[in-house]
Amino acid sequence: MTDYSSSLAIFLSIITGIILYFFFDGVFILTLTGFLATYLTNHEERTVAVGIIASLLLGVLYFSYGLILTPEIPLQVLNTITFDFNSFLMGFVLIALISILLGALGGYVATKIIGYKQSSY
C-alpha cells in the first residue's frame, strides 16, 4: 500500500486514466480513477472525496476534449447548427454528475477493500 498525499494521488490517477482511455471505455476509466486516487492516498487523508475529485477532474478533461475535437460534419449540416447554451450546460452537468457518482463508487470500493484499522491509544 502506498502513502502519497491526496494531491499527488489525484494527479497520478488522472495520468493513468488518460493513458488507459485509449484502450478502455470512459465509464470504466472514471471508476478506476476514483479507485486509484483513493487507494494511493495515505491513511489520514483517505476518503471517498478523493476519488470524487479525481474522477470529476478527469470528466471535465473529457468534456473539454470533446469540445475541441469535433467530428467531421458536412458543410450543409454545419451551416444549420448553432450554439445552444442549454445543451452545453446540460452536457456539462451530466458529465459532472456521472463523474461524481462513478468516482464515489470507485472511492467507496477502495475504502472497503483496504479497510481501516483502529489504533488503540
PDB file of N, CA and C in Angstrom:
ATOM      1  N   MET A   1       0.853  -1.173   0.000  1.00  0.00           N
ATOM      2  CA  MET A   1       0.000   0.000   0.000  1.00  0.00           C
ATOM      3  C   MET A   1       0.898   1.235   0.000  1.00  0.00           C
ATOM      4  N   THR A   2       0.511   2.235  -0.737  1.00  0.00           N
ATOM      5  CA  THR A   2       1.320   3.436  -0.873  1.00  0.00           C
ATOM      6  C   THR A   2       0.811   4.524   0.049  1.00  0.00           C
ATOM      7  N   ASP A   3       1.659   5.503   0.284  1.00  0.00           N
ATOM      8  CA  ASP A   3       1.310   6.610   1.167  1.00  0.00           C
ATOM      9  C   ASP A   3       1.617   7.933   0.489  1.00  0.00           C
ATOM     10  N   TYR A   4       0.908   8.239  -0.594  1.00  0.00           N
ATOM     11  CA  TYR A   4       1.060   9.515  -1.268  1.00  0.00           C
ATOM     12  C   TYR A   4       0.091  10.525  -0.672  1.00  0.00           C
ATOM     13  N   SER A   5       0.397  11.810  -0.847  1.00  0.00           N
ATOM     14  CA  SER A   5      -0.567  12.831  -0.448  1.00  0.00           C
ATOM     15  C   SER A   5      -1.747  12.779  -1.415  1.00  0.00           C
ATOM     16  N   SER A   6      -2.841  13.378  -1.015  1.00  0.00           N
ATOM     17  CA  SER A   6      -4.049  13.273  -1.840  1.00  0.00           C
ATOM     18  C   SER A   6      -3.873  13.977  -3.186  1.00  0.00           C
ATOM     19  N   SER A   7      -3.161  15.102  -3.207  1.00  0.00           N
ATOM     20  CA  SER A   7      -2.980  15.807  -4.485  1.00  0.00           C
ATOM     21  C   SER A   7      -2.118  15.003  -5.453  1.00  0.00           C
ATOM     22  N   LEU A   8      -1.061  14.366  -4.970  1.00  0.00           N
ATOM     23  CA  LEU A   8      -0.224  13.545  -5.831  1.00  0.00           C
ATOM     24  C   LEU A   8      -0.975  12.295  -6.290  1.00  0.00           C
ATOM     25  N   ALA A   9      -1.779  11.718  -5.412  1.00  0.00           N
ATOM     26  CA  ALA A   9      -2.565  10.543  -5.789  1.00  0.00           C
ATOM     27  C   ALA A   9      -3.592  10.897  -6.857  1.00  0.00           C
ATOM     28  N   ILE A  10      -4.212  12.065  -6.751  1.00  0.00           N
ATOM     29  CA  ILE A  10      -5.168  12.512  -7.764  1.00  0.00           C
ATOM     30  C   ILE A  10      -4.455  12.722  -9.095  1.00  0.00           C
ATOM     31  N   PHE A  11      -3.297  13.360  -9.062  1.00  0.00           N
ATOM     32  CA  PHE A  11      -2.534  13.598 -10.288  1.00  0.00           C
ATOM     33  C   PHE A  11      -2.126  12.291 -10.954  1.00  0.00           C
ATOM     34  N   LEU A  12      -1.612  11.346 -10.192  1.00  0.00           N
ATOM     35  CA  LEU A  12      -1.185  10.070 -10.752  1.00  0.00           C
ATOM     36  C   LEU A  12      -2.361   9.280 -11.316  1.00  0.00           C
ATOM     37  N   SER A  13      -3.499   9.328 -10.649  1.00  0.00           N
ATOM     38  CA  SER A  13      -4.653   8.585 -11.149  1.00  0.00           C
ATOM     39  C   SER A  13      -5.223   9.229 -12.410  1.00  0.00           C
ATOM     40  N   ILE A  14      -5.156  10.551 -12.521  1.00  0.00           N
ATOM     41  CA  ILE A  14      -5.623  11.213 -13.741  1.00  0.00           C
ATOM     42  C   ILE A  14      -4.698  10.878 -14.915  1.00  0.00           C
ATOM     43  N   ILE A  15      -3.394  10.873 -14.689  1.00  0.00           N
ATOM     44  CA  ILE A  15      -2.457  10.497 -15.744  1.00  0.00           C
ATOM     45  C   ILE A  15      -2.703   9.047 -16.178  1.00  0.00           C
ATOM     46  N   THR A  16      -2.933   8.167 -15.214  1.00  0.00           N
ATOM     47  CA  THR A  16      -3.241   6.777 -15.546  1.00  0.00           C
ATOM     48  C   THR A  16      -4.556   6.671 -16.305  1.00  0.00           C
ATOM     49  N   GLY A  17      -5.550   7.461 -15.914  1.00  0.00           N
ATOM     50  CA  GLY A  17      -6.833   7.458 -16.608  1.00  0.00           C
ATOM     51  C   GLY A  17      -6.732   7.949 -18.036  1.00  0.00           C
ATOM     52  N   ILE A  18      -5.910   8.965 -18.272  1.00  0.00           N
ATOM     53  CA  ILE A  18      -5.719   9.472 -19.637  1.00  0.00           C
ATOM     54  C   ILE A  18      -5.051   8.406 -20.507  1.00  0.00           C
ATOM     55  N   ILE A  19      -4.066   7.713 -19.970  1.00  0.00           N
ATOM     56  CA  ILE A  19      -3.379   6.672 -20.726  1.00  0.00           C
ATOM     57  C   ILE A  19      -4.325   5.501 -21.007  1.00  0.00           C
ATOM     58  N   LEU A  20      -5.093   5.079 -20.005  1.00  0.00           N
ATOM     59  CA  LEU A  20      -5.993   3.942 -20.188  1.00  0.00           C
ATOM     60  C   LEU A  20      -7.211   4.278 -21.033  1.00  0.00           C
ATOM     61  N   TYR A  21      -7.492   5.565 -21.221  1.00  0.00           N
ATOM     62  CA  TYR A  21      -8.643   5.968 -22.034  1.00  0.00           C
ATOM     63  C   TYR A  21      -8.476   5.550 -23.494  1.00  0.00           C
ATOM     64  N   PHE A  22      -7.245   5.380 -23.931  1.00  0.00           N
ATOM     65  CA  PHE A  22      -7.005   4.935 -25.295  1.00  0.00           C
ATOM     66  C   PHE A  22      -7.357   3.466 -25.493  1.00  0.00           C
ATOM     67  N   PHE A  23      -7.430   2.693 -24.404  1.00  0.00           N
ATOM     68  CA  PHE A  23      -7.643   1.257 -24.507  1.00  0.00           C
ATOM     69  C   PHE A  23      -9.019   0.800 -24.018  1.00  0.00           C
ATOM     70  N   PHE A  24      -9.621   1.523 -23.084  1.00  0.00           N
ATOM     71  CA  PHE A  24     -10.871   1.087 -22.473  1.00  0.00           C
ATOM     72  C   PHE A  24     -11.946   2.158 -22.587  1.00  0.00           C
ATOM     73  N   ASP A  25     -13.151   1.828 -22.128  1.00  0.00           N
ATOM     74  CA  ASP A  25     -14.282   2.728 -22.158  1.00  0.00           C
ATOM     75  C   ASP A  25     -14.143   3.801 -21.072  1.00  0.00           C
ATOM     76  N   GLY A  26     -14.751   4.964 -21.314  1.00  0.00           N
ATOM     77  CA  GLY A  26     -14.643   6.077 -20.386  1.00  0.00           C
ATOM     78  C   GLY A  26     -15.313   5.832 -19.046  1.00  0.00           C
ATOM     79  N   VAL A  27     -16.418   5.072 -19.026  1.00  0.00           N
ATOM     80  CA  VAL A  27     -17.127   4.808 -17.773  1.00  0.00           C
ATOM     81  C   VAL A  27     -16.259   3.974 -16.845  1.00  0.00           C
ATOM     82  N   PHE A  28     -15.611   2.960 -17.382  1.00  0.00           N
ATOM     83  CA  PHE A  28     -14.709   2.142 -16.581  1.00  0.00           C
ATOM     84  C   PHE A  28     -13.537   2.960 -16.069  1.00  0.00           C
ATOM     85  N   ILE A  29     -13.028   3.849 -16.891  1.00  0.00           N
ATOM     86  CA  ILE A  29     -11.863   4.648 -16.514  1.00  0.00           C
ATOM     87  C   ILE A  29     -12.215   5.632 -15.396  1.00  0.00           C
ATOM     88  N   LEU A  30     -13.412   6.217 -15.436  1.00  0.00           N
ATOM     89  CA  LEU A  30     -13.811   7.131 -14.365  1.00  0.00           C
ATOM     90  C   LEU A  30     -13.896   6.414 -13.022  1.00  0.00           C
ATOM     91  N   THR A  31     -14.414   5.196 -13.027  1.00  0.00           N
ATOM     92  CA  THR A  31     -14.486   4.414 -11.790  1.00  0.00           C
ATOM     93  C   THR A  31     -13.090   4.016 -11.324  1.00  0.00           C
ATOM     94  N   LEU A  32     -12.246   3.599 -12.249  1.00  0.00           N
ATOM     95  CA  LEU A  32     -10.890   3.199 -11.907  1.00  0.00           C
ATOM     96  C   LEU A  32     -10.075   4.378 -11.390  1.00  0.00           C
ATOM     97  N   THR A  33     -10.300   5.556 -11.930  1.00  0.00           N
ATOM     98  CA  THR A  33      -9.593   6.749 -11.462  1.00  0.00           C
ATOM     99  C   THR A  33      -9.960   7.062 -10.018  1.00  0.00           C
ATOM    100  N   GLY A  34     -11.245   6.980  -9.696  1.00  0.00           N
ATOM    101  CA  GLY A  34     -11.665   7.193  -8.311  1.00  0.00           C
ATOM    102  C   GLY A  34     -11.082   6.153  -7.372  1.00  0.00           C
ATOM    103  N   PHE A  35     -11.030   4.905  -7.831  1.00  0.00           N
ATOM    104  CA  PHE A  35     -10.450   3.843  -7.021  1.00  0.00           C
ATOM    105  C   PHE A  35      -8.963   4.072  -6.780  1.00  0.00           C
ATOM    106  N   LEU A  36      -8.227   4.370  -7.857  1.00  0.00           N
ATOM    107  CA  LEU A  36      -6.777   4.563  -7.725  1.00  0.00           C
ATOM    108  C   LEU A  36      -6.430   5.750  -6.840  1.00  0.00           C
ATOM    109  N   ALA A  37      -7.163   6.848  -7.012  1.00  0.00           N
ATOM    110  CA  ALA A  37      -6.863   8.034  -6.207  1.00  0.00           C
ATOM    111  C   ALA A  37      -7.084   7.755  -4.723  1.00  0.00           C
ATOM    112  N   THR A  38      -8.146   7.042  -4.409  1.00  0.00           N
ATOM    113  CA  THR A  38      -8.410   6.729  -3.002  1.00  0.00           C
ATOM    114  C   THR A  38      -7.417   5.700  -2.476  1.00  0.00           C
ATOM    115  N   TYR A  39      -7.073   4.729  -3.290  1.00  0.00           N
ATOM    116  CA  TYR A  39      -6.147   3.686  -2.868  1.00  0.00           C
ATOM    117  C   TYR A  39      -4.736   4.219  -2.635  1.00  0.00           C
ATOM    118  N   LEU A  40      -4.314   5.182  -3.454  1.00  0.00           N
ATOM    119  CA  LEU A  40      -2.944   5.684  -3.341  1.00  0.00           C
ATOM    120  C   LEU A  40      -2.753   6.704  -2.231  1.00  0.00           C
ATOM    121  N   THR A  41      -3.834   7.215  -1.661  1.00  0.00           N
ATOM    122  CA  THR A  41      -3.710   8.245  -0.628  1.00  0.00           C
ATOM    123  C   THR A  41      -3.290   7.620   0.697  1.00  0.00           C
ATOM    124  N   ASN A  42      -2.615   8.437   1.511  1.00  0.00           N
ATOM    125  CA  ASN A  42      -2.202   7.930   2.814  1.00  0.00           C
ATOM    126  C   ASN A  42      -3.419   7.773   3.730  1.00  0.00           C
ATOM    127  N   HIS A  43      -3.216   7.078   4.835  1.00  0.00           N
ATOM    128  CA  HIS A  43      -4.319   6.666   5.709  1.00  0.00           C
ATOM    129  C   HIS A  43      -5.091   7.850   6.296  1.00  0.00           C
ATOM    130  N   GLU A  44      -4.396   8.931   6.603  1.00  0.00           N
ATOM    131  CA  GLU A  44      -5.051  10.067   7.253  1.00  0.00           C
ATOM    132  C   GLU A  44      -5.970  10.834   6.307  1.00  0.00           C
ATOM    133  N   GLU A  45      -5.651  10.856   5.022  1.00  0.00           N
ATOM    134  CA  GLU A  45      -6.422  11.635   4.051  1.00  0.00           C
ATOM    135  C   GLU A  45      -7.353  10.783   3.197  1.00  0.00           C
ATOM    136  N   ARG A  46      -7.414   9.494   3.434  1.00  0.00           N
ATOM    137  CA  ARG A  46      -8.161   8.575   2.564  1.00  0.00           C
ATOM    138  C   ARG A  46      -9.662   8.673   2.837  1.00  0.00           C
ATOM    139  N   THR A  47     -10.379   9.267   1.891  1.00  0.00           N
ATOM    140  CA  THR A  47     -11.837   9.334   1.941  1.00  0.00           C
ATOM    141  C   THR A  47     -12.383   9.129   0.536  1.00  0.00           C
ATOM    142  N   VAL A  48     -13.681   9.010   0.441  1.00  0.00           N
ATOM    143  CA  VAL A  48     -14.338   8.864  -0.857  1.00  0.00           C
ATOM    144  C   VAL A  48     -14.208  10.158  -1.657  1.00  0.00           C
ATOM    145  N   ALA A  49     -14.078  11.286  -0.973  1.00  0.00           N
ATOM    146  CA  ALA A  49     -13.987  12.587  -1.649  1.00  0.00           C
ATOM    147  C   ALA A  49     -12.760  12.677  -2.550  1.00  0.00           C
ATOM    148  N   VAL A  50     -11.697  11.985  -2.212  1.00  0.00           N
ATOM    149  CA  VAL A  50     -10.504  11.988  -3.061  1.00  0.00           C
ATOM    150  C   VAL A  50     -10.823  11.350  -4.407  1.00  0.00           C
ATOM    151  N   GLY A  51     -11.544  10.250  -4.391  1.00  0.00           N
ATOM    152  CA  GLY A  51     -11.950   9.603  -5.631  1.00  0.00           C
ATOM    153  C   GLY A  51     -12.920  10.451  -6.436  1.00  0.00           C
ATOM    154  N   ILE A  52     -13.808  11.165  -5.743  1.00  0.00           N
ATOM    155  CA  ILE A  52     -14.761  12.039  -6.423  1.00  0.00           C
ATOM    156  C   ILE A  52     -14.030  13.165  -7.138  1.00  0.00           C
ATOM    157  N   ILE A  53     -13.070  13.774  -6.470  1.00  0.00           N
ATOM    158  CA  ILE A  53     -12.332  14.891  -7.058  1.00  0.00           C
ATOM    159  C   ILE A  53     -11.543  14.431  -8.279  1.00  0.00           C
ATOM    160  N   ALA A  54     -10.872  13.290  -8.167  1.00  0.00           N
ATOM    161  CA  ALA A  54     -10.081  12.784  -9.293  1.00  0.00           C
ATOM    162  C   ALA A  54     -10.969  12.455 -10.488  1.00  0.00           C
ATOM    163  N   SER A  55     -12.070  11.809 -10.232  1.00  0.00           N
ATOM    164  CA  SER A  55     -12.967  11.446 -11.328  1.00  0.00           C
ATOM    165  C   SER A  55     -13.632  12.675 -11.940  1.00  0.00           C
ATOM    166  N   LEU A  56     -13.963  13.651 -11.116  1.00  0.00           N
ATOM    167  CA  LEU A  56     -14.570  14.878 -11.629  1.00  0.00           C
ATOM    168  C   LEU A  56     -13.593  15.660 -12.501  1.00  0.00           C
ATOM    169  N   LEU A  57     -12.348  15.749 -12.082  1.00  0.00           N
ATOM    170  CA  LEU A  57     -11.345  16.432 -12.901  1.00  0.00           C
ATOM    171  C   LEU A  57     -11.126  15.722 -14.233  1.00  0.00           C
ATOM    172  N   LEU A  58     -11.107  14.396 -14.203  1.00  0.00           N
ATOM    173  CA  LEU A  58     -10.945  13.653 -15.450  1.00  0.00           C
ATOM    174  C   LEU A  58     -12.178  13.805 -16.335  1.00  0.00           C
ATOM    175  N   GLY A  59     -13.366  13.848 -15.745  1.00  0.00           N
ATOM    176  CA  GLY A  59     -14.581  14.072 -16.525  1.00  0.00           C
ATOM    177  C   GLY A  59     -14.597  15.434 -17.193  1.00  0.00           C
ATOM    178  N   VAL A  60     -14.116  16.454 -16.498  1.00  0.00           N
ATOM    179  CA  VAL A  60     -14.031  17.797 -17.095  1.00  0.00           C
ATOM    180  C   VAL A  60     -13.004  17.802 -18.226  1.00  0.00           C
ATOM    181  N   LEU A  61     -11.919  17.064 -18.071  1.00  0.00           N
ATOM    182  CA  LEU A  61     -10.944  16.946 -19.159  1.00  0.00           C
ATOM    183  C   LEU A  61     -11.557  16.251 -20.374  1.00  0.00           C
ATOM    184  N   TYR A  62     -12.342  15.194 -20.148  1.00  0.00           N
ATOM    185  CA  TYR A  62     -13.029  14.516 -21.250  1.00  0.00           C
ATOM    186  C   TYR A  62     -14.005  15.474 -21.934  1.00  0.00           C
ATOM    187  N   PHE A  63     -14.714  16.278 -21.162  1.00  0.00           N
ATOM    188  CA  PHE A  63     -15.679  17.218 -21.724  1.00  0.00           C
ATOM    189  C   PHE A  63     -14.978  18.267 -22.580  1.00  0.00           C
ATOM    190  N   SER A  64     -13.887  18.822 -22.096  1.00  0.00           N
ATOM    191  CA  SER A  64     -13.163  19.818 -22.877  1.00  0.00           C
ATOM    192  C   SER A  64     -12.512  19.194 -24.112  1.00  0.00           C
ATOM    193  N   TYR A  65     -12.076  17.947 -24.010  1.00  0.00           N
ATOM    194  CA  TYR A  65     -11.533  17.238 -25.168  1.00  0.00           C
ATOM    195  C   TYR A  65     -12.608  17.063 -26.239  1.00  0.00           C
ATOM    196  N   GLY A  66     -13.823  16.759 -25.819  1.00  0.00           N
ATOM    197  CA  GLY A  66     -14.925  16.620 -26.764  1.00  0.00           C
ATOM    198  C   GLY A  66     -15.323  17.935 -27.402  1.00  0.00           C
ATOM    199  N   LEU A  67     -15.099  19.050 -26.724  1.00  0.00           N
ATOM    200  CA  LEU A  67     -15.395  20.351 -27.316  1.00  0.00           C
ATOM    201  C   LEU A  67     -14.357  20.744 -28.365  1.00  0.00           C
ATOM    202  N   ILE A  68     -13.122  20.385 -28.127  1.00  0.00           N
ATOM    203  CA  ILE A  68     -12.056  20.776 -29.045  1.00  0.00           C
ATOM    204  C   ILE A  68     -12.070  19.927 -30.304  1.00  0.00           C
ATOM    205  N   LEU A  69     -12.186  18.626 -30.145  1.00  0.00           N
ATOM    206  CA  LEU A  69     -12.167  17.714 -31.291  1.00  0.00           C
ATOM    207  C   LEU A  69     -13.592  17.336 -31.662  1.00  0.00           C
ATOM    208  N   THR A  70     -14.131  17.984 -32.641  1.00  0.00           N
ATOM    209  CA  THR A  70     -15.485  17.688 -33.098  1.00  0.00           C
ATOM    210  C   THR A  70     -15.427  16.729 -34.276  1.00  0.00           C
ATOM    211  N   PRO A  71     -16.500  16.003 -34.539  1.00  0.00           N
ATOM    212  CA  PRO A  71     -16.490  15.084 -35.676  1.00  0.00           C
ATOM    213  C   PRO A  71     -16.585  15.835 -37.003  1.00  0.00           C
ATOM    214  N   GLU A  72     -16.262  15.153 -38.077  1.00  0.00           N
ATOM    215  CA  GLU A  72     -16.375  15.727 -39.425  1.00  0.00           C
ATOM    216  C   GLU A  72     -17.852  15.837 -39.790  1.00  0.00           C
ATOM    217  N   ILE A  73     -18.308  17.045 -40.055  1.00  0.00           N
ATOM    218  CA  ILE A  73     -19.703  17.293 -40.401  1.00  0.00           C
ATOM    219  C   ILE A  73     -19.733  17.934 -41.783  1.00  0.00           C
ATOM    220  N   PRO A  74     -20.643  17.472 -42.670  1.00  0.00           N
ATOM    221  CA  PRO A  74     -20.736  18.101 -43.996  1.00  0.00           C
ATOM    222  C   PRO A  74     -21.105  19.580 -43.882  1.00  0.00           C
ATOM    223  N   LEU A  75     -20.697  20.358 -44.850  1.00  0.00           N
ATOM    224  CA  LEU A  75     -20.875  21.806 -44.809  1.00  0.00           C
ATOM    225  C   LEU A  75     -22.348  22.211 -44.776  1.00  0.00           C
ATOM    226  N   GLN A  76     -23.214  21.471 -45.449  1.00  0.00           N
ATOM    227  CA  GLN A  76     -24.639  21.819 -45.446  1.00  0.00           C
ATOM    228  C   GLN A  76     -25.244  21.665 -44.057  1.00  0.00           C
ATOM    229  N   VAL A  77     -24.836  20.637 -43.343  1.00  0.00           N
ATOM    230  CA  VAL A  77     -25.339  20.418 -41.988  1.00  0.00           C
ATOM    231  C   VAL A  77     -24.687  21.413 -41.030  1.00  0.00           C
ATOM    232  N   LEU A  78     -23.436  21.693 -41.224  1.00  0.00           N
ATOM    233  CA  LEU A  78     -22.712  22.596 -40.341  1.00  0.00           C
ATOM    234  C   LEU A  78     -23.282  24.008 -40.372  1.00  0.00           C
ATOM    235  N   ASN A  79     -23.805  24.445 -41.519  1.00  0.00           N
ATOM    236  CA  ASN A  79     -24.389  25.782 -41.615  1.00  0.00           C
ATOM    237  C   ASN A  79     -25.697  25.908 -40.844  1.00  0.00           C
ATOM    238  N   THR A  80     -26.386  24.800 -40.606  1.00  0.00           N
ATOM    239  CA  THR A  80     -27.666  24.859 -39.883  1.00  0.00           C
ATOM    240  C   THR A  80     -27.498  24.723 -38.382  1.00  0.00           C
ATOM    241  N   ILE A  81     -26.314  24.328 -37.918  1.00  0.00           N
ATOM    242  CA  ILE A  81     -26.092  24.112 -36.488  1.00  0.00           C
ATOM    243  C   ILE A  81     -25.650  25.415 -35.835  1.00  0.00           C
ATOM    244  N   THR A  82     -26.305  25.764 -34.730  1.00  0.00           N
ATOM    245  CA  THR A  82     -25.914  26.926 -33.942  1.00  0.00           C
ATOM    246  C   THR A  82     -25.579  26.478 -32.526  1.00  0.00           C
ATOM    247  N   PHE A  83     -24.907  27.327 -31.799  1.00  0.00           N
ATOM    248  CA  PHE A  83     -24.547  27.027 -30.418  1.00  0.00           C
ATOM    249  C   PHE A  83     -25.774  27.146 -29.535  1.00  0.00           C
ATOM    250  N   ASP A  84     -26.036  26.113 -28.767  1.00  0.00           N
ATOM    251  CA  ASP A  84     -27.164  26.110 -27.840  1.00  0.00           C
ATOM    252  C   ASP A  84     -26.608  26.017 -26.426  1.00  0.00           C
ATOM    253  N   PHE A  85     -26.765  27.090 -25.667  1.00  0.00           N
ATOM    254  CA  PHE A  85     -26.193  27.132 -24.324  1.00  0.00           C
ATOM    255  C   PHE A  85     -26.865  26.134 -23.392  1.00  0.00           C
ATOM    256  N   ASN A  86     -28.160  25.895 -23.560  1.00  0.00           N
ATOM    257  CA  ASN A  86     -28.855  24.942 -22.702  1.00  0.00           C
ATOM    258  C   ASN A  86     -28.322  23.529 -22.881  1.00  0.00           C
ATOM    259  N   SER A  87     -28.064  23.125 -24.106  1.00  0.00           N
ATOM    260  CA  SER A  87     -27.492  21.799 -24.355  1.00  0.00           C
ATOM    261  C   SER A  87     -26.058  21.717 -23.837  1.00  0.00           C
ATOM    262  N   PHE A  88     -25.315  22.785 -23.992  1.00  0.00           N
ATOM    263  CA  PHE A  88     -23.950  22.841 -23.479  1.00  0.00           C
ATOM    264  C   PHE A  88     -23.942  22.667 -21.963  1.00  0.00           C
ATOM    265  N   LEU A  89     -24.803  23.402 -21.276  1.00  0.00           N
ATOM    266  CA  LEU A  89     -24.875  23.333 -19.820  1.00  0.00           C
ATOM    267  C   LEU A  89     -25.376  21.974 -19.353  1.00  0.00           C
ATOM    268  N   MET A  90     -26.370  21.420 -20.032  1.00  0.00           N
ATOM    269  CA  MET A  90     -26.894  20.105 -19.656  1.00  0.00           C
ATOM    270  C   MET A  90     -25.837  19.025 -19.853  1.00  0.00           C
ATOM    271  N   GLY A  91     -25.069  19.095 -20.930  1.00  0.00           N
ATOM    272  CA  GLY A  91     -23.998  18.129 -21.150  1.00  0.00           C
ATOM    273  C   GLY A  91     -22.930  18.215 -20.079  1.00  0.00           C
ATOM    274  N   PHE A  92     -22.582  19.434 -19.687  1.00  0.00           N
ATOM    275  CA  PHE A  92     -21.572  19.595 -18.636  1.00  0.00           C
ATOM    276  C   PHE A  92     -22.073  19.070 -17.296  1.00  0.00           C
ATOM    277  N   VAL A  93     -23.322  19.367 -16.970  1.00  0.00           N
ATOM    278  CA  VAL A  93     -23.888  18.904 -15.695  1.00  0.00           C
ATOM    279  C   VAL A  93     -23.978  17.384 -15.674  1.00  0.00           C
ATOM    280  N   LEU A  94     -24.390  16.770 -16.785  1.00  0.00           N
ATOM    281  CA  LEU A  94     -24.478  15.315 -16.827  1.00  0.00           C
ATOM    282  C   LEU A  94     -23.107  14.653 -16.712  1.00  0.00           C
ATOM    283  N   ILE A  95     -22.113  15.202 -17.388  1.00  0.00           N
ATOM    284  CA  ILE A  95     -20.754  14.663 -17.254  1.00  0.00           C
ATOM    285  C   ILE A  95     -20.271  14.797 -15.814  1.00  0.00           C
ATOM    286  N   ALA A  96     -20.564  15.938 -15.193  1.00  0.00           N
ATOM    287  CA  ALA A  96     -20.141  16.148 -13.807  1.00  0.00           C
ATOM    288  C   ALA A  96     -20.837  15.163 -12.866  1.00  0.00           C
ATOM    289  N   LEU A  97     -22.132  14.961 -13.028  1.00  0.00           N
ATOM    290  CA  LEU A  97     -22.859  14.037 -12.155  1.00  0.00           C
ATOM    291  C   LEU A  97     -22.406  12.595 -12.339  1.00  0.00           C
ATOM    292  N   ILE A  98     -22.216  12.188 -13.583  1.00  0.00           N
ATOM    293  CA  ILE A  98     -21.748  10.824 -13.838  1.00  0.00           C
ATOM    294  C   ILE A  98     -20.345  10.630 -13.271  1.00  0.00           C
ATOM    295  N   SER A  99     -19.485  11.625 -13.423  1.00  0.00           N
ATOM    296  CA  SER A  99     -18.122  11.526 -12.881  1.00  0.00           C
ATOM    297  C   SER A  99     -18.140  11.449 -11.360  1.00  0.00           C
ATOM    298  N   ILE A 100     -18.996  12.245 -10.733  1.00  0.00           N
ATOM    299  CA  ILE A 100     -19.089  12.228  -9.276  1.00  0.00           C
ATOM    300  C   ILE A 100     -19.584  10.871  -8.778  1.00  0.00           C
ATOM    301  N   LEU A 101     -20.616  10.338  -9.413  1.00  0.00           N
ATOM    302  CA  LEU A 101     -21.157   9.048  -8.977  1.00  0.00           C
ATOM    303  C   LEU A 101     -20.158   7.915  -9.184  1.00  0.00           C
ATOM    304  N   LEU A 102     -19.504   7.879 -10.331  1.00  0.00           N
ATOM    305  CA  LEU A 102     -18.547   6.802 -10.581  1.00  0.00           C
ATOM    306  C   LEU A 102     -17.281   6.946  -9.735  1.00  0.00           C
ATOM    307  N   GLY A 103     -16.848   8.183  -9.494  1.00  0.00           N
ATOM    308  CA  GLY A 103     -15.705   8.393  -8.609  1.00  0.00           C
ATOM    309  C   GLY A 103     -16.014   8.008  -7.178  1.00  0.00           C
ATOM    310  N   ALA A 104     -17.240   8.287  -6.742  1.00  0.00           N
ATOM    311  CA  ALA A 104     -17.653   7.885  -5.397  1.00  0.00           C
ATOM    312  C   ALA A 104     -17.724   6.370  -5.281  1.00  0.00           C
ATOM    313  N   LEU A 105     -18.194   5.720  -6.338  1.00  0.00           N
ATOM    314  CA  LEU A 105     -18.243   4.261  -6.330  1.00  0.00           C
ATOM    315  C   LEU A 105     -16.843   3.665  -6.239  1.00  0.00           C
ATOM    316  N   GLY A 106     -15.917   4.175  -7.051  1.00  0.00           N
ATOM    317  CA  GLY A 106     -14.547   3.685  -7.002  1.00  0.00           C
ATOM    318  C   GLY A 106     -13.870   3.973  -5.669  1.00  0.00           C
ATOM    319  N   GLY A 107     -14.105   5.172  -5.124  1.00  0.00           N
ATOM    320  CA  GLY A 107     -13.531   5.506  -3.827  1.00  0.00           C
ATOM    321  C   GLY A 107     -14.107   4.669  -2.700  1.00  0.00           C
ATOM    322  N   TYR A 108     -15.401   4.394  -2.769  1.00  0.00           N
ATOM    323  CA  TYR A 108     -16.046   3.565  -1.742  1.00  0.00           C
ATOM    324  C   TYR A 108     -15.504   2.140  -1.772  1.00  0.00           C
ATOM    325  N   VAL A 109     -15.337   1.604  -2.965  1.00  0.00           N
ATOM    326  CA  VAL A 109     -14.788   0.250  -3.089  1.00  0.00           C
ATOM    327  C   VAL A 109     -13.360   0.210  -2.547  1.00  0.00           C
ATOM    328  N   ALA A 110     -12.583   1.248  -2.825  1.00  0.00           N
ATOM    329  CA  ALA A 110     -11.199   1.280  -2.327  1.00  0.00           C
ATOM    330  C   ALA A 110     -11.149   1.357  -0.813  1.00  0.00           C
ATOM    331  N   THR A 111     -12.030   2.148  -0.200  1.00  0.00           N
ATOM    332  CA  THR A 111     -12.013   2.233   1.263  1.00  0.00           C
ATOM    333  C   THR A 111     -12.493   0.933   1.892  1.00  0.00           C
ATOM    334  N   LYS A 112     -13.408   0.228   1.250  1.00  0.00           N
ATOM    335  CA  LYS A 112     -13.876  -1.048   1.804  1.00  0.00           C
ATOM    336  C   LYS A 112     -12.860  -2.160   1.606  1.00  0.00           C
ATOM    337  N   ILE A 113     -12.126  -2.129   0.499  1.00  0.00           N
ATOM    338  CA  ILE A 113     -11.117  -3.157   0.271  1.00  0.00           C
ATOM    339  C   ILE A 113      -9.954  -2.987   1.243  1.00  0.00           C
ATOM    340  N   ILE A 114      -9.508  -1.762   1.421  1.00  0.00           N
ATOM    341  CA  ILE A 114      -8.367  -1.504   2.299  1.00  0.00           C
ATOM    342  C   ILE A 114      -8.789  -1.675   3.751  1.00  0.00           C
ATOM    343  N   GLY A 115      -9.903  -1.071   4.112  1.00  0.00           N
ATOM    344  CA  GLY A 115     -10.375  -1.152   5.490  1.00  0.00           C
ATOM    345  C   GLY A 115      -9.570  -0.241   6.388  1.00  0.00           C
ATOM    346  N   TYR A 116     -10.143   0.101   7.472  1.00  0.00           N
ATOM    347  CA  TYR A 116      -9.476   0.950   8.446  1.00  0.00           C
ATOM    348  C   TYR A 116      -9.158   0.137   9.688  1.00  0.00           C
ATOM    349  N   LYS A 117      -7.928   0.253  10.132  1.00  0.00           N
ATOM    350  CA  LYS A 117      -7.520  -0.403  11.368  1.00  0.00           C
ATOM    351  C   LYS A 117      -7.574   0.618  12.487  1.00  0.00           C
ATOM    352  N   GLN A 118      -8.366   0.339  13.474  1.00  0.00           N
ATOM    353  CA  GLN A 118      -8.486   1.243  14.614  1.00  0.00           C
ATOM    354  C   GLN A 118      -7.271   1.056  15.514  1.00  0.00           C
ATOM    355  N   SER A 119      -6.601   2.144  15.795  1.00  0.00           N
ATOM    356  CA  SER A 119      -5.442   2.050  16.688  1.00  0.00           C
ATOM    357  C   SER A 119      -5.887   2.377  18.114  1.00  0.00           C
ATOM    358  N   SER A 120      -5.384   1.632  19.053  1.00  0.00           N
ATOM    359  CA  SER A 120      -5.737   1.865  20.456  1.00  0.00           C
ATOM    360  C   SER A 120      -4.643   2.710  21.100  1.00  0.00           C
ATOM    361  N   TYR A 121      -5.060   3.726  21.792  1.00  0.00           N
ATOM    362  CA  TYR A 121      -4.095   4.632  22.435  1.00  0.00           C
ATOM    363  C   TYR A 121      -3.877   4.258  23.862  1.00  0.00           C
TER     364      TYR A 121
END
